[in-house]
N, C-alpha and C. Protein backbone atom coordinates (compact mmCIF):
# COMPACT_ATOMS: atom_id res chain seq x y z
N UNK A 1 87.42 72.42 98.54
CA UNK A 1 86.68 71.49 97.67
C UNK A 1 85.84 72.49 96.53
N UNK A 2 85.41 71.99 95.29
CA UNK A 2 84.94 72.74 94.39
C UNK A 2 83.60 72.03 94.04
N UNK A 3 82.35 73.22 94.03
CA UNK A 3 81.35 72.07 93.71
C UNK A 3 80.48 72.90 92.48
N UNK A 4 79.84 72.17 91.77
CA UNK A 4 78.73 72.52 91.00
C UNK A 4 77.61 72.65 91.08
N UNK A 5 77.60 73.17 92.28
CA UNK A 5 75.98 73.58 92.91
C UNK A 5 75.94 74.65 93.89
N UNK A 6 75.60 75.88 93.00
CA UNK A 6 75.41 77.18 93.66
C UNK A 6 74.99 76.98 95.46
N UNK A 7 76.21 77.69 95.79
CA UNK A 7 76.17 77.82 97.31
C UNK A 7 74.89 78.77 97.78
N UNK A 8 74.25 78.74 97.56
CA UNK A 8 73.24 79.82 98.05
C UNK A 8 73.26 80.11 99.91
N UNK A 9 73.32 79.34 99.83
CA UNK A 9 73.40 79.48 101.44
C UNK A 9 74.18 80.45 102.19
N UNK A 10 75.73 80.34 101.06
CA UNK A 10 76.84 81.12 101.54
C UNK A 10 77.12 82.39 100.56
N UNK A 11 75.95 82.74 100.12
CA UNK A 11 76.00 84.14 99.10
C UNK A 11 76.35 85.00 100.20
N UNK A 12 76.82 86.54 100.13
CA UNK A 12 76.85 87.42 100.73
C UNK A 12 75.29 88.42 100.28
N UNK A 13 74.81 89.07 101.36
CA UNK A 13 73.64 90.39 100.89
C UNK A 13 74.63 90.98 99.82
N UNK A 14 73.77 91.89 99.11
CA UNK A 14 74.46 92.91 98.48
C UNK A 14 75.87 93.66 98.36
N UNK A 15 75.20 94.22 99.91
CA UNK A 15 76.38 94.97 100.32
C UNK A 15 76.44 94.02 101.73
N UNK A 16 77.68 93.68 101.83
CA UNK A 16 78.05 92.95 103.65
C UNK A 16 78.34 94.38 104.31
N UNK A 17 78.36 94.04 105.39
CA UNK A 17 78.42 95.25 106.19
C UNK A 17 79.98 95.22 105.84
N UNK A 18 80.68 96.75 106.39
CA UNK A 18 81.81 97.21 106.10
C UNK A 18 82.93 96.33 107.50
N UNK A 19 84.31 96.11 106.56
CA UNK A 19 84.90 95.89 107.64
C UNK A 19 85.36 97.32 108.34
N UNK A 20 85.66 97.69 109.11
CA UNK A 20 85.53 99.35 109.09
C UNK A 20 87.11 100.10 109.04
N UNK A 21 88.15 99.18 109.36
CA UNK A 21 89.55 99.44 109.22
C UNK A 21 89.88 99.74 107.57
N UNK A 22 89.39 98.50 106.66
CA UNK A 22 89.29 98.68 105.20
C UNK A 22 88.77 99.80 105.09
N UNK A 23 87.37 99.96 105.53
CA UNK A 23 86.58 101.03 104.69
C UNK A 23 87.59 102.36 105.29
N UNK A 24 88.04 102.86 106.33
CA UNK A 24 89.07 103.62 106.71
C UNK A 24 90.22 103.83 105.62
N UNK A 25 90.41 102.75 105.56
CA UNK A 25 91.86 102.95 104.09
C UNK A 25 91.55 103.32 102.97
N UNK A 26 90.26 102.62 102.43
CA UNK A 26 89.57 103.13 101.01
C UNK A 26 88.17 104.24 101.17
N UNK A 27 88.36 104.34 101.99
CA UNK A 27 86.81 105.55 102.78
C UNK A 27 85.79 104.94 101.52
N UNK A 28 84.99 104.52 101.01
CA UNK A 28 83.85 104.62 100.13
C UNK A 28 83.81 103.91 99.19
N UNK A 29 84.90 102.87 99.15
CA UNK A 29 84.96 102.08 97.59
C UNK A 29 84.05 101.68 97.47
N UNK A 30 83.05 101.17 98.05
CA UNK A 30 81.97 100.19 98.09
C UNK A 30 82.05 99.28 97.96
N UNK A 31 81.00 98.34 97.70
CA UNK A 31 81.20 96.75 97.77
C UNK A 31 81.38 96.24 99.21
N UNK A 32 81.33 95.07 99.20
CA UNK A 32 81.59 94.15 100.46
C UNK A 32 83.02 93.90 100.71
N UNK A 33 83.41 94.51 102.00
CA UNK A 33 84.78 94.67 102.16
C UNK A 33 84.77 93.46 103.92
N UNK A 34 85.87 92.82 103.55
CA UNK A 34 85.72 91.48 104.12
C UNK A 34 87.00 91.54 104.68
N UNK A 35 87.10 91.29 106.56
CA UNK A 35 88.08 91.07 107.14
C UNK A 35 88.18 91.38 108.37
N UNK A 36 89.43 90.80 109.38
CA UNK A 36 89.21 91.00 110.57
C UNK A 36 89.55 92.14 111.30
N UNK A 37 89.30 92.85 111.48
CA UNK A 37 89.73 94.19 112.07
C UNK A 37 88.96 94.31 113.53
N UNK A 38 89.54 94.62 114.71
CA UNK A 38 88.75 94.98 115.90
C UNK A 38 88.27 96.71 115.67
N UNK A 39 87.28 96.43 116.38
CA UNK A 39 86.53 97.79 116.86
C UNK A 39 87.41 98.94 116.99
N UNK A 40 88.01 98.89 117.98
CA UNK A 40 88.72 99.46 118.99
C UNK A 40 89.50 100.51 117.83
N UNK A 41 90.51 98.82 117.42
CA UNK A 41 91.46 99.65 116.16
C UNK A 41 90.85 100.45 114.49
N UNK A 42 89.86 99.92 114.62
CA UNK A 42 88.89 100.89 113.35
C UNK A 42 88.94 102.26 113.60
N UNK A 43 88.27 102.19 115.02
CA UNK A 43 88.12 103.95 115.76
C UNK A 43 89.19 104.51 115.31
N UNK A 44 89.98 104.31 115.61
CA UNK A 44 91.97 105.10 115.53
C UNK A 44 92.11 105.17 113.96
N UNK A 45 91.16 104.80 113.01
CA UNK A 45 91.68 104.55 111.87
C UNK A 45 90.45 105.94 111.17
N UNK A 46 90.88 106.93 110.24
CA UNK A 46 90.21 107.92 109.87
C UNK A 46 89.84 107.93 108.22
N UNK A 47 89.77 108.25 107.68
CA UNK A 47 89.15 108.26 106.09
C UNK A 47 90.10 108.85 105.72
N UNK A 48 90.48 108.60 104.21
CA UNK A 48 91.78 108.59 103.73
C UNK A 48 91.42 109.36 102.22
N UNK A 49 91.85 110.34 101.31
CA UNK A 49 91.55 110.62 100.14
C UNK A 49 92.83 111.28 100.09
N UNK A 50 93.51 110.79 98.93
CA UNK A 50 95.16 111.44 98.59
C UNK A 50 95.08 111.03 97.49
N UNK A 51 94.43 111.41 96.18
CA UNK A 51 94.60 111.08 94.91
C UNK A 51 96.28 111.19 94.39
N UNK A 52 96.81 111.76 95.23
CA UNK A 52 98.35 112.34 94.75
C UNK A 52 99.31 110.86 94.77
N UNK A 53 98.68 110.18 95.82
CA UNK A 53 99.14 109.21 95.64
C UNK A 53 99.08 107.89 94.18
N UNK A 54 98.49 108.55 93.33
CA UNK A 54 97.85 107.58 92.34
C UNK A 54 98.80 107.49 91.30
N UNK A 55 98.89 106.60 90.56
CA UNK A 55 100.01 106.46 89.74
C UNK A 55 99.78 107.44 88.56
N UNK A 56 100.50 108.15 87.90
CA UNK A 56 100.26 109.18 86.95
C UNK A 56 100.67 108.19 85.35
N UNK A 57 100.33 108.66 84.44
CA UNK A 57 100.45 108.06 83.07
C UNK A 57 99.26 106.90 82.87
N UNK A 58 99.42 106.13 82.27
CA UNK A 58 98.61 105.19 81.82
C UNK A 58 97.72 104.60 83.17
N UNK A 59 96.61 104.06 83.02
CA UNK A 59 96.24 103.29 84.54
C UNK A 59 96.67 101.69 84.68
N UNK A 60 97.20 101.75 85.99
CA UNK A 60 97.39 100.26 86.06
C UNK A 60 96.54 99.46 86.83
N UNK A 61 96.59 98.10 86.86
CA UNK A 61 95.74 97.27 88.22
C UNK A 61 96.24 96.93 89.51
N UNK A 62 97.76 96.94 89.32
CA UNK A 62 98.30 96.95 90.44
C UNK A 62 99.11 98.21 91.04
N UNK A 63 98.75 98.76 92.40
CA UNK A 63 99.18 99.65 92.98
C UNK A 63 100.07 99.30 94.10
N UNK A 64 101.08 99.86 94.33
CA UNK A 64 102.38 99.04 95.06
C UNK A 64 102.95 100.29 95.86
N UNK A 65 102.45 100.30 96.94
CA UNK A 65 102.90 101.92 97.33
C UNK A 65 103.88 101.38 98.97
N UNK A 66 103.73 99.77 99.18
CA UNK A 66 104.57 99.62 100.45
C UNK A 66 105.48 98.75 99.81
N UNK A 67 106.02 98.79 98.54
CA UNK A 67 107.24 98.03 98.33
C UNK A 67 107.43 96.78 98.24
N UNK A 68 106.20 96.04 98.37
CA UNK A 68 106.00 94.29 98.25
C UNK A 68 106.60 93.74 97.18
N UNK A 69 106.39 94.30 96.09
CA UNK A 69 106.43 93.37 94.76
C UNK A 69 107.84 94.17 93.99
N UNK A 70 108.30 93.19 93.46
CA UNK A 70 109.70 93.41 92.51
C UNK A 70 108.91 93.97 91.20
N UNK A 71 109.47 94.86 90.03
CA UNK A 71 109.12 95.46 89.01
C UNK A 71 108.70 94.47 88.34
N UNK A 72 109.27 93.02 88.06
CA UNK A 72 108.86 91.69 87.46
C UNK A 72 107.53 91.40 87.96
N UNK A 73 107.35 90.96 89.09
CA UNK A 73 106.02 90.68 89.90
C UNK A 73 104.83 91.96 89.29
N UNK A 74 105.31 92.55 89.72
CA UNK A 74 104.21 93.86 89.03
C UNK A 74 103.39 93.71 87.66
N UNK A 75 104.38 93.17 86.82
CA UNK A 75 104.04 93.09 85.28
C UNK A 75 103.47 91.85 85.38
N UNK A 76 103.93 90.58 86.06
CA UNK A 76 103.22 89.42 85.97
C UNK A 76 101.59 89.82 86.63
N UNK A 77 101.13 90.57 87.22
CA UNK A 77 100.29 90.59 87.97
C UNK A 77 99.28 91.55 87.47
N UNK A 78 99.71 92.36 86.33
CA UNK A 78 99.32 92.85 85.34
C UNK A 78 98.66 92.47 84.44
N UNK A 79 99.48 91.13 83.85
CA UNK A 79 99.24 90.36 82.72
C UNK A 79 98.05 89.64 83.48
N UNK A 80 98.28 88.81 84.34
CA UNK A 80 97.17 88.29 85.36
C UNK A 80 95.96 88.91 85.22
N UNK A 81 95.65 90.02 85.56
CA UNK A 81 94.42 90.86 85.86
C UNK A 81 94.14 91.36 84.41
N UNK A 82 94.63 91.40 83.66
CA UNK A 82 94.16 92.19 82.14
C UNK A 82 93.44 90.88 81.71
N UNK A 83 94.40 89.34 81.26
CA UNK A 83 93.97 87.89 81.25
C UNK A 83 92.54 87.95 81.46
N UNK A 84 92.54 87.82 82.89
CA UNK A 84 91.22 87.58 83.77
C UNK A 84 89.95 88.39 83.47
N UNK A 85 90.36 89.52 83.60
CA UNK A 85 89.07 90.52 82.71
C UNK A 85 88.59 90.30 81.44
N UNK A 86 89.55 89.84 80.58
CA UNK A 86 89.00 89.52 79.41
C UNK A 86 88.36 88.36 79.07
N UNK A 87 88.23 87.43 80.22
CA UNK A 87 88.28 86.02 79.91
C UNK A 87 86.72 86.14 80.89
N UNK A 88 86.79 86.69 82.02
CA UNK A 88 85.70 86.53 82.94
C UNK A 88 84.55 87.64 83.15
N UNK A 89 85.34 88.76 82.60
CA UNK A 89 84.78 90.08 83.03
C UNK A 89 84.70 90.63 84.19
N UNK A 90 85.37 90.44 85.07
CA UNK A 90 85.83 90.54 86.36
C UNK A 90 86.84 91.24 86.45
N UNK A 91 86.96 92.28 87.06
CA UNK A 91 88.00 93.31 87.86
C UNK A 91 88.96 92.84 88.88
N UNK A 92 90.29 92.24 88.84
CA UNK A 92 90.91 91.98 89.99
C UNK A 92 92.01 93.29 90.11
N UNK A 93 91.88 94.21 91.19
CA UNK A 93 92.64 95.34 91.42
C UNK A 93 93.31 95.07 93.08
N UNK A 94 94.58 95.69 92.52
CA UNK A 94 95.61 94.96 93.62
C UNK A 94 96.11 96.50 94.39
N UNK A 95 96.08 96.69 95.73
CA UNK A 95 96.17 97.77 96.45
C UNK A 95 97.28 97.19 97.20
N UNK A 96 98.43 97.55 97.26
CA UNK A 96 99.26 97.28 98.65
C UNK A 96 99.72 98.78 99.34
N UNK A 97 99.31 98.57 100.26
CA UNK A 97 99.08 100.39 101.30
C UNK A 97 99.92 100.06 102.59
N UNK A 98 100.49 101.31 102.92
CA UNK A 98 100.95 101.10 104.42
C UNK A 98 100.07 102.37 105.10
N UNK A 99 99.07 102.39 105.36
CA UNK A 99 98.09 102.98 105.96
C UNK A 99 98.74 103.85 107.22
N UNK A 100 98.42 105.39 107.31
CA UNK A 100 97.71 106.12 106.13
C UNK A 100 98.31 106.41 104.84
N UNK A 101 99.40 106.04 104.31
CA UNK A 101 99.75 105.99 103.18
C UNK A 101 99.08 105.49 102.09
N UNK A 102 97.89 105.71 101.53
CA UNK A 102 96.58 105.01 100.47
C UNK A 102 95.86 106.42 99.96
N UNK A 103 95.73 105.78 98.58
CA UNK A 103 94.87 106.83 97.96
C UNK A 103 93.49 106.47 98.53
N UNK A 104 93.29 106.16 99.21
CA UNK A 104 91.81 105.86 99.65
C UNK A 104 90.76 105.82 99.05
N UNK A 105 89.71 106.78 98.92
CA UNK A 105 88.48 107.24 98.38
C UNK A 105 89.17 107.15 97.21
N UNK A 106 90.31 107.98 96.40
CA UNK A 106 90.34 108.45 95.65
C UNK A 106 90.60 107.34 94.39
N UNK A 107 90.73 105.98 95.01
CA UNK A 107 91.03 104.84 94.34
C UNK A 107 89.90 104.43 93.27
N UNK A 108 88.55 104.57 93.69
CA UNK A 108 87.39 103.87 93.42
C UNK A 108 87.26 104.58 91.98
N UNK A 109 87.21 106.17 91.63
CA UNK A 109 87.40 106.34 90.66
C UNK A 109 88.33 106.05 89.58
N UNK A 110 89.38 106.14 89.79
CA UNK A 110 90.67 105.84 89.14
C UNK A 110 90.31 104.31 88.56
N UNK A 111 89.93 103.59 89.46
CA UNK A 111 89.43 101.66 89.06
C UNK A 111 88.55 101.58 88.28
N UNK A 112 87.56 102.68 88.62
CA UNK A 112 86.09 102.64 88.41
C UNK A 112 85.56 101.50 88.96
N UNK A 113 85.67 101.07 89.95
CA UNK A 113 85.06 100.34 91.12
C UNK A 113 83.83 99.92 90.71
N UNK A 114 82.85 98.75 90.43
CA UNK A 114 81.81 98.65 90.48
C UNK A 114 81.51 97.11 90.75
N UNK A 115 80.11 96.94 90.51
CA UNK A 115 79.97 95.40 91.05
C UNK A 115 80.38 94.46 90.47
N UNK A 116 81.43 94.43 89.48
CA UNK A 116 82.28 93.43 88.82
C UNK A 116 83.73 93.55 89.23
N UNK A 117 83.68 93.80 90.45
CA UNK A 117 85.24 94.60 91.00
C UNK A 117 85.29 94.07 91.78
N UNK A 118 86.82 93.28 91.67
CA UNK A 118 87.34 92.91 93.38
C UNK A 118 88.75 93.83 93.61
N UNK A 119 88.61 94.26 94.83
CA UNK A 119 90.15 95.17 95.04
C UNK A 119 90.53 94.28 96.31
N UNK A 120 91.69 93.95 96.11
CA UNK A 120 92.43 93.16 97.27
C UNK A 120 93.20 94.33 97.62
N UNK A 121 93.39 94.22 99.17
CA UNK A 121 94.47 95.20 99.97
C UNK A 121 94.78 94.60 100.41
N UNK A 122 96.40 94.91 100.46
CA UNK A 122 97.27 94.51 101.25
C UNK A 122 97.81 94.96 102.25
N UNK A 123 98.05 95.21 103.49
CA UNK A 123 98.78 96.02 104.26
C UNK A 123 98.65 95.64 105.68
N UNK A 124 100.54 95.68 105.78
CA UNK A 124 101.28 94.69 106.82
C UNK A 124 100.40 95.25 108.38
N UNK A 125 99.73 96.55 108.23
CA UNK A 125 98.86 97.01 109.25
C UNK A 125 97.84 96.89 109.88
N UNK A 126 97.28 95.99 109.09
CA UNK A 126 95.82 95.65 109.67
C UNK A 126 96.33 94.54 110.59
N UNK A 127 95.35 94.30 111.94
CA UNK A 127 95.59 93.51 113.11
C UNK A 127 95.80 92.33 112.43
N UNK A 128 96.92 91.17 112.73
CA UNK A 128 96.95 89.54 112.07
C UNK A 128 96.73 89.11 111.06
N UNK A 129 96.50 90.21 109.97
CA UNK A 129 96.59 89.69 108.79
C UNK A 129 96.70 90.67 107.63
N UNK A 130 97.70 90.16 106.50
CA UNK A 130 97.86 90.83 105.20
C UNK A 130 96.66 91.29 104.50
N UNK A 131 95.91 90.68 104.32
CA UNK A 131 95.04 90.63 103.51
C UNK A 131 93.35 91.18 103.36
N UNK A 132 93.07 91.99 102.90
CA UNK A 132 91.36 92.77 102.74
C UNK A 132 91.03 92.82 101.29
N UNK A 133 89.84 92.40 101.70
CA UNK A 133 88.71 92.70 100.09
C UNK A 133 87.46 93.09 100.20
N UNK A 134 87.32 94.09 99.36
CA UNK A 134 86.63 94.61 98.60
C UNK A 134 85.43 93.80 97.45
N UNK A 135 84.72 92.99 97.46
CA UNK A 135 84.24 92.42 96.56
C UNK A 135 83.01 93.12 95.94
N UNK A 136 82.80 93.27 95.04
CA UNK A 136 81.34 93.90 94.17
C UNK A 136 79.95 92.89 94.44
N UNK A 137 79.17 93.47 94.23
CA UNK A 137 77.78 93.03 94.42
C UNK A 137 76.92 91.99 93.66
N UNK A 138 77.78 92.24 92.40
CA UNK A 138 77.18 91.21 91.09
C UNK A 138 77.14 89.61 91.03
N UNK A 139 75.59 89.44 90.99
CA UNK A 139 74.88 88.37 91.89
C UNK A 139 76.01 86.92 91.28
N UNK A 140 76.53 86.87 90.02
CA UNK A 140 77.33 85.91 89.50
C UNK A 140 78.84 85.58 90.32
N UNK A 141 79.21 86.73 90.24
CA UNK A 141 80.56 87.04 91.09
C UNK A 141 80.42 86.42 92.47
N UNK A 142 79.35 86.84 93.36
CA UNK A 142 79.11 86.21 94.84
C UNK A 142 78.89 84.51 95.09
N UNK A 143 77.97 84.35 93.86
CA UNK A 143 77.44 82.91 93.60
C UNK A 143 79.13 81.96 93.41
N UNK A 144 79.97 82.77 92.20
CA UNK A 144 80.93 81.70 91.94
C UNK A 144 81.83 81.77 93.02
N UNK A 145 82.43 83.16 93.87
CA UNK A 145 83.16 83.24 95.16
C UNK A 145 82.47 83.78 96.25
N UNK A 146 81.72 82.81 97.28
CA UNK A 146 81.01 83.00 98.10
C UNK A 146 81.71 83.35 99.30
N UNK A 147 81.08 84.05 100.49
CA UNK A 147 81.51 84.72 101.99
C UNK A 147 82.57 83.89 102.31
N UNK A 148 82.05 82.63 102.41
CA UNK A 148 83.55 81.56 102.89
C UNK A 148 84.76 81.29 101.71
N UNK A 149 84.59 81.75 101.00
CA UNK A 149 86.13 81.60 100.06
C UNK A 149 86.74 82.80 100.46
N UNK A 150 86.24 83.93 100.52
CA UNK A 150 86.93 85.14 100.99
C UNK A 150 87.62 84.72 102.48
N UNK A 151 86.56 84.18 103.41
CA UNK A 151 87.15 84.00 104.65
C UNK A 151 88.66 83.02 104.52
N UNK A 152 88.18 82.02 103.74
CA UNK A 152 89.11 81.17 103.87
C UNK A 152 90.12 81.41 103.66
N UNK A 153 90.51 82.38 102.07
CA UNK A 153 91.85 82.39 101.43
C UNK A 153 92.21 83.43 102.38
N UNK A 154 91.71 84.67 102.83
CA UNK A 154 92.20 85.34 104.47
C UNK A 154 93.03 84.73 105.38
N UNK A 155 92.31 83.64 105.86
CA UNK A 155 92.78 82.67 106.84
C UNK A 155 94.10 81.75 106.30
N UNK A 156 94.15 81.59 105.05
CA UNK A 156 95.21 80.81 104.69
C UNK A 156 96.00 81.54 104.39
N UNK A 157 96.03 82.27 103.66
CA UNK A 157 97.41 83.33 102.86
C UNK A 157 97.77 84.57 103.78
N UNK A 158 96.95 85.17 104.72
CA UNK A 158 97.26 86.12 104.69
C UNK A 158 97.42 86.61 106.77
N UNK A 159 97.23 85.21 106.53
CA UNK A 159 98.10 85.48 108.65
C UNK A 159 99.27 85.48 108.36
N UNK A 160 99.93 85.92 109.70
CA UNK A 160 101.31 86.15 109.64
C UNK A 160 102.36 85.01 109.51
N UNK A 161 101.81 84.09 110.05
CA UNK A 161 102.68 82.68 110.12
C UNK A 161 102.79 82.37 108.39
N UNK A 162 101.81 82.07 108.09
CA UNK A 162 101.81 81.88 106.53
C UNK A 162 102.37 82.83 105.90
N UNK A 163 102.31 83.93 106.03
CA UNK A 163 103.10 84.77 105.32
C UNK A 163 104.52 84.52 105.29
N UNK A 164 105.53 84.28 106.35
CA UNK A 164 106.45 83.88 106.98
C UNK A 164 106.87 82.35 106.31
N UNK A 165 106.01 81.73 106.28
CA UNK A 165 106.25 80.19 105.42
C UNK A 165 106.18 80.29 104.23
N UNK A 166 105.23 80.93 103.51
CA UNK A 166 105.43 81.29 101.98
C UNK A 166 106.72 82.11 101.49
N UNK A 167 107.38 82.80 102.47
CA UNK A 167 108.41 82.98 101.69
C UNK A 167 108.02 84.95 101.53
N UNK A 168 107.21 85.64 102.29
CA UNK A 168 107.01 86.58 102.14
C UNK A 168 105.73 87.39 101.38
N UNK A 169 105.31 88.98 101.64
CA UNK A 169 104.51 89.66 101.18
C UNK A 169 104.14 89.14 99.54
N UNK A 170 105.28 89.23 98.33
CA UNK A 170 105.66 89.51 97.27
C UNK A 170 104.27 88.10 97.17
N UNK A 171 105.03 86.87 97.92
CA UNK A 171 104.21 85.39 97.65
C UNK A 171 103.32 85.02 97.52
N UNK A 172 102.77 85.72 98.94
CA UNK A 172 100.88 85.72 99.33
C UNK A 172 100.54 86.71 98.34
N UNK A 173 100.52 87.47 98.14
CA UNK A 173 100.06 88.67 96.89
C UNK A 173 99.59 87.52 95.59
N UNK A 174 101.39 86.96 95.02
CA UNK A 174 100.82 85.78 93.87
C UNK A 174 100.28 85.04 93.62
N UNK A 175 100.14 84.29 94.83
CA UNK A 175 99.15 83.23 95.16
C UNK A 175 97.89 83.58 95.41
N UNK A 176 97.65 84.32 96.13
CA UNK A 176 95.89 84.84 96.14
C UNK A 176 95.60 85.44 95.06
N UNK A 177 96.27 85.97 94.11
CA UNK A 177 95.45 86.66 92.78
C UNK A 177 95.47 85.18 92.04
N UNK A 178 96.30 83.90 91.94
CA UNK A 178 96.54 83.20 91.04
C UNK A 178 95.40 82.10 91.86
N UNK A 179 95.03 82.03 92.70
CA UNK A 179 93.80 81.63 93.37
C UNK A 179 92.41 82.01 92.65
N UNK A 180 92.37 83.02 92.89
CA UNK A 180 91.17 83.74 92.15
C UNK A 180 91.09 83.65 91.40
N UNK A 181 92.33 83.86 90.13
CA UNK A 181 92.03 83.60 88.89
C UNK A 181 91.62 82.49 88.39
N UNK A 182 91.98 81.21 89.36
CA UNK A 182 91.75 79.77 89.16
C UNK A 182 90.12 79.84 89.31
N UNK A 183 89.72 80.13 90.16
CA UNK A 183 88.29 80.02 90.75
C UNK A 183 87.46 80.42 89.76
N UNK A 184 87.62 81.60 89.01
CA UNK A 184 86.90 82.73 88.13
C UNK A 184 86.92 81.69 86.97
N UNK A 185 87.85 81.60 86.30
CA UNK A 185 87.82 80.40 85.40
C UNK A 185 87.08 78.96 85.54
N UNK A 186 87.03 78.64 86.61
CA UNK A 186 86.62 77.34 86.90
C UNK A 186 85.35 77.04 86.41
N UNK A 187 84.74 76.10 86.23
CA UNK A 187 83.62 75.64 85.74
C UNK A 187 82.75 75.59 87.20
N UNK A 188 83.05 75.34 88.16
CA UNK A 188 82.73 75.04 89.99
C UNK A 188 82.51 76.17 90.58
N UNK A 189 82.22 76.32 91.11
CA UNK A 189 81.59 77.29 92.68
C UNK A 189 82.88 77.09 93.60
N UNK A 190 83.61 78.10 93.77
CA UNK A 190 84.74 77.88 94.74
C UNK A 190 84.29 77.89 95.86
N UNK A 191 84.37 77.15 97.13
CA UNK A 191 84.00 77.41 98.46
C UNK A 191 85.48 77.15 99.60
N UNK A 192 86.06 76.24 99.29
CA UNK A 192 87.34 75.79 99.53
C UNK A 192 88.40 76.69 98.18
N UNK A 193 89.53 76.75 99.20
CA UNK A 193 90.83 77.16 98.50
C UNK A 193 91.43 75.93 97.62
N UNK A 194 91.78 76.26 96.06
CA UNK A 194 92.54 75.65 95.47
C UNK A 194 93.98 74.88 95.68
N UNK A 195 94.28 73.61 95.90
CA UNK A 195 95.33 73.24 96.41
C UNK A 195 96.25 73.33 95.52
N UNK A 196 97.61 73.24 96.19
CA UNK A 196 98.78 73.97 95.66
C UNK A 196 98.72 73.36 94.41
N UNK A 197 98.31 71.77 94.52
CA UNK A 197 98.60 70.90 93.30
C UNK A 197 97.38 71.28 91.91
N UNK A 198 96.66 72.13 92.03
CA UNK A 198 95.51 72.78 91.29
C UNK A 198 96.14 73.79 90.35
N UNK A 199 97.48 74.59 90.88
CA UNK A 199 97.28 76.00 90.42
C UNK A 199 98.66 76.22 90.21
N UNK A 200 99.00 76.79 89.31
CA UNK A 200 99.74 76.92 88.39
C UNK A 200 101.11 77.26 89.46
N UNK A 201 102.43 76.69 88.88
CA UNK A 201 103.14 76.95 90.16
C UNK A 201 103.94 78.35 90.00
N UNK A 202 104.21 79.19 90.74
CA UNK A 202 104.67 80.57 90.84
C UNK A 202 106.11 80.46 90.51
């Protein structure tokens, strides 16, 4: 369900508590890290800073270190993220990793992560869920896409069963990015995930 009434009760604090496992993978990217990791699993993880894993040459919005995406899918996501940023001012960045093979802390400067940045982290080593999100503290962004939205999109697309049902990690990444783009461009506030009939076909 989409609403044109600001869901003030759902808005995250400017800096939500870190999900420790994602924080270990991203090391201090900043923003609100959302995900469902256990404390024991998180405790086994250490912060990572591997700038050598960043792409060389022109900066890209999609980094796939896990091999989830085809080159065509990467190009498609590059277009989507650039068009979305131009239309909304919000940056969506996608990091596919296999912890500890991640740039970690280095990603913050590479992407210029700020309050208007969403970082989608895709990693099969996360317990029970493929997706985690780092959401900037911009008030308009948090009103547009409140905390419950991120919980629901993670539960709907990121759990292992749905990854299989949707046809693999690449389909999950494309569907998630498409849903975020749709909601950011909508006049309404998204709490529920848009239905398949509302989203463009992949």
